[in-house]
């Protein structure tokens, strides 16, 4: 059982993690 707030927090974390991963990948491919 999860509250709507927990659901939203989890979704936000997932989105943030994927954005962060994208940023790291992009920076890595740029050779920086």
PDB file of N, CA and C in Angstrom:
ATOM      1  N   UNK A   1       0.847  -1.208   0.000  1.00  0.00           N
ATOM      2  CA  UNK A   1       0.000   0.000   0.000  1.00  0.00           C
ATOM      3  C   UNK A   1       0.877   1.252   0.000  1.00  0.00           C
ATOM      4  N   UNK A   2       0.708   2.086  -1.012  1.00  0.00           N
ATOM      5  CA  UNK A   2       1.476   3.339  -1.063  1.00  0.00           C
ATOM      6  C   UNK A   2       0.530   4.506  -1.228  1.00  0.00           C
ATOM      7  N   UNK A   3       0.870   5.611  -0.623  1.00  0.00           N
ATOM      8  CA  UNK A   3       0.059   6.813  -0.761  1.00  0.00           C
ATOM      9  C   UNK A   3       0.378   7.490  -2.082  1.00  0.00           C
ATOM     10  N   UNK A   4      -0.485   8.377  -2.496  1.00  0.00           N
ATOM     11  CA  UNK A   4      -0.263   9.105  -3.749  1.00  0.00           C
ATOM     12  C   UNK A   4       1.029   9.907  -3.663  1.00  0.00           C
ATOM     13  N   UNK A   5       1.310  10.415  -2.470  1.00  0.00           N
ATOM     14  CA  UNK A   5       2.519  11.215  -2.272  1.00  0.00           C
ATOM     15  C   UNK A   5       3.763  10.360  -2.493  1.00  0.00           C
ATOM     16  N   UNK A   6       3.742   9.151  -1.960  1.00  0.00           N
ATOM     17  CA  UNK A   6       4.872   8.241  -2.147  1.00  0.00           C
ATOM     18  C   UNK A   6       5.028   7.868  -3.616  1.00  0.00           C
ATOM     19  N   UNK A   7       3.897   7.657  -4.276  1.00  0.00           N
ATOM     20  CA  UNK A   7       3.921   7.341  -5.711  1.00  0.00           C
ATOM     21  C   UNK A   7       4.591   8.463  -6.490  1.00  0.00           C
ATOM     22  N   UNK A   8       4.183   9.687  -6.202  1.00  0.00           N
ATOM     23  CA  UNK A   8       4.730  10.855  -6.898  1.00  0.00           C
ATOM     24  C   UNK A   8       6.220  11.002  -6.606  1.00  0.00           C
ATOM     25  N   UNK A   9       6.600  10.773  -5.362  1.00  0.00           N
ATOM     26  CA  UNK A   9       8.001  10.886  -4.969  1.00  0.00           C
ATOM     27  C   UNK A   9       8.837   9.846  -5.709  1.00  0.00           C
ATOM     28  N   UNK A  10       8.302   8.637  -5.798  1.00  0.00           N
ATOM     29  CA  UNK A  10       8.988   7.551  -6.484  1.00  0.00           C
ATOM     30  C   UNK A  10       9.152   7.877  -7.957  1.00  0.00           C
ATOM     31  N   UNK A  11       8.091   8.388  -8.574  1.00  0.00           N
ATOM     32  CA  UNK A  11       8.133   8.749  -9.992  1.00  0.00           C
ATOM     33  C   UNK A  11       9.159   9.851 -10.224  1.00  0.00           C
ATOM     34  N   UNK A  12       9.190  10.820  -9.329  1.00  0.00           N
ATOM     35  CA  UNK A  12      10.145  11.921  -9.439  1.00  0.00           C
ATOM     36  C   UNK A  12      11.574  11.420  -9.333  1.00  0.00           C
ATOM     37  N   UNK A  13      11.783  10.471  -8.430  1.00  0.00           N
ATOM     38  CA  UNK A  13      13.120   9.907  -8.260  1.00  0.00           C
ATOM     39  C   UNK A  13      13.547   9.168  -9.524  1.00  0.00           C
ATOM     40  N   UNK A  14      12.631   8.376 -10.079  1.00  0.00           N
ATOM     41  CA  UNK A  14      12.921   7.622 -11.304  1.00  0.00           C
ATOM     42  C   UNK A  14      13.297   8.571 -12.436  1.00  0.00           C
ATOM     43  N   UNK A  15      12.505   9.632 -12.597  1.00  0.00           N
ATOM     44  CA  UNK A  15      12.758  10.611 -13.662  1.00  0.00           C
ATOM     45  C   UNK A  15      14.103  11.297 -13.446  1.00  0.00           C
ATOM     46  N   UNK A  16      14.375  11.687 -12.215  1.00  0.00           N
ATOM     47  CA  UNK A  16      15.634  12.349 -11.895  1.00  0.00           C
ATOM     48  C   UNK A  16      16.825  11.445 -12.163  1.00  0.00           C
ATOM     49  N   UNK A  17      16.675  10.175 -11.807  1.00  0.00           N
ATOM     50  CA  UNK A  17      17.768   9.221 -12.002  1.00  0.00           C
ATOM     51  C   UNK A  17      18.063   9.030 -13.485  1.00  0.00           C
ATOM     52  N   UNK A  18      17.007   8.943 -14.303  1.00  0.00           N
ATOM     53  CA  UNK A  18      17.225   8.746 -15.739  1.00  0.00           C
ATOM     54  C   UNK A  18      17.822   9.996 -16.374  1.00  0.00           C
ATOM     55  N   UNK A  19      17.394  11.164 -15.918  1.00  0.00           N
ATOM     56  CA  UNK A  19      17.963  12.417 -16.428  1.00  0.00           C
ATOM     57  C   UNK A  19      19.440  12.500 -16.077  1.00  0.00           C
ATOM     58  N   UNK A  20      19.748  12.129 -14.843  1.00  0.00           N
ATOM     59  CA  UNK A  20      21.130  12.160 -14.371  1.00  0.00           C
ATOM     60  C   UNK A  20      21.984  11.200 -15.190  1.00  0.00           C
ATOM     61  N   UNK A  21      21.438  10.007 -15.439  1.00  0.00           N
ATOM     62  CA  UNK A  21      22.158   9.003 -16.223  1.00  0.00           C
ATOM     63  C   UNK A  21      22.410   9.522 -17.635  1.00  0.00           C
ATOM     64  N   UNK A  22      21.404  10.156 -18.217  1.00  0.00           N
ATOM     65  CA  UNK A  22      21.557  10.741 -19.562  1.00  0.00           C
ATOM     66  C   UNK A  22      22.661  11.791 -19.569  1.00  0.00           C
ATOM     67  N   UNK A  23      22.660  12.645 -18.556  1.00  0.00           N
ATOM     68  CA  UNK A  23      23.651  13.722 -18.477  1.00  0.00           C
ATOM     69  C   UNK A  23      25.057  13.144 -18.351  1.00  0.00           C
ATOM     70  N   UNK A  24      25.206  12.127 -17.533  1.00  0.00           N
ATOM     71  CA  UNK A  24      26.514  11.490 -17.335  1.00  0.00           C
ATOM     72  C   UNK A  24      26.979  10.839 -18.631  1.00  0.00           C
ATOM     73  N   UNK A  25      26.064  10.169 -19.307  1.00  0.00           N
ATOM     74  CA  UNK A  25      26.402   9.499 -20.572  1.00  0.00           C
ATOM     75  C   UNK A  25      26.837  10.519 -21.609  1.00  0.00           C
ATOM     76  N   UNK A  26      26.090  11.615 -21.691  1.00  0.00           N
ATOM     77  CA  UNK A  26      26.396  12.650 -22.674  1.00  0.00           C
ATOM     78  C   UNK A  26      27.772  13.250 -22.397  1.00  0.00           C
ATOM     79  N   UNK A  27      28.042  13.541 -21.116  1.00  0.00           N
ATOM     80  CA  UNK A  27      29.321  14.135 -20.747  1.00  0.00           C
ATOM     81  C   UNK A  27      30.454  13.152 -21.065  1.00  0.00           C
ATOM     82  N   UNK A  28      30.222  11.874 -20.816  1.00  0.00           N
ATOM     83  CA  UNK A  28      31.232  10.865 -21.090  1.00  0.00           C
ATOM     84  C   UNK A  28      31.546  10.781 -22.575  1.00  0.00           C
ATOM     85  N   UNK A  29      30.517  10.854 -23.417  1.00  0.00           N
ATOM     86  CA  UNK A  29      30.731  10.756 -24.860  1.00  0.00           C
ATOM     87  C   UNK A  29      31.375  12.024 -25.413  1.00  0.00           C
ATOM     88  N   UNK A  30      31.244  13.124 -24.663  1.00  0.00           N
ATOM     89  CA  UNK A  30      31.897  14.372 -25.077  1.00  0.00           C
ATOM     90  C   UNK A  30      33.369  14.386 -24.695  1.00  0.00           C
ATOM     91  N   UNK A  31      33.792  13.386 -23.941  1.00  0.00           N
ATOM     92  CA  UNK A  31      35.191  13.268 -23.569  1.00  0.00           C
ATOM     93  C   UNK A  31      35.609  14.213 -22.470  1.00  0.00           C
ATOM     94  N   UNK A  32      34.635  14.667 -21.646  1.00  0.00           N
ATOM     95  CA  UNK A  32      35.004  15.553 -20.546  1.00  0.00           C
ATOM     96  C   UNK A  32      35.050  14.792 -19.244  1.00  0.00           C
TER      97      UNK A  32
END
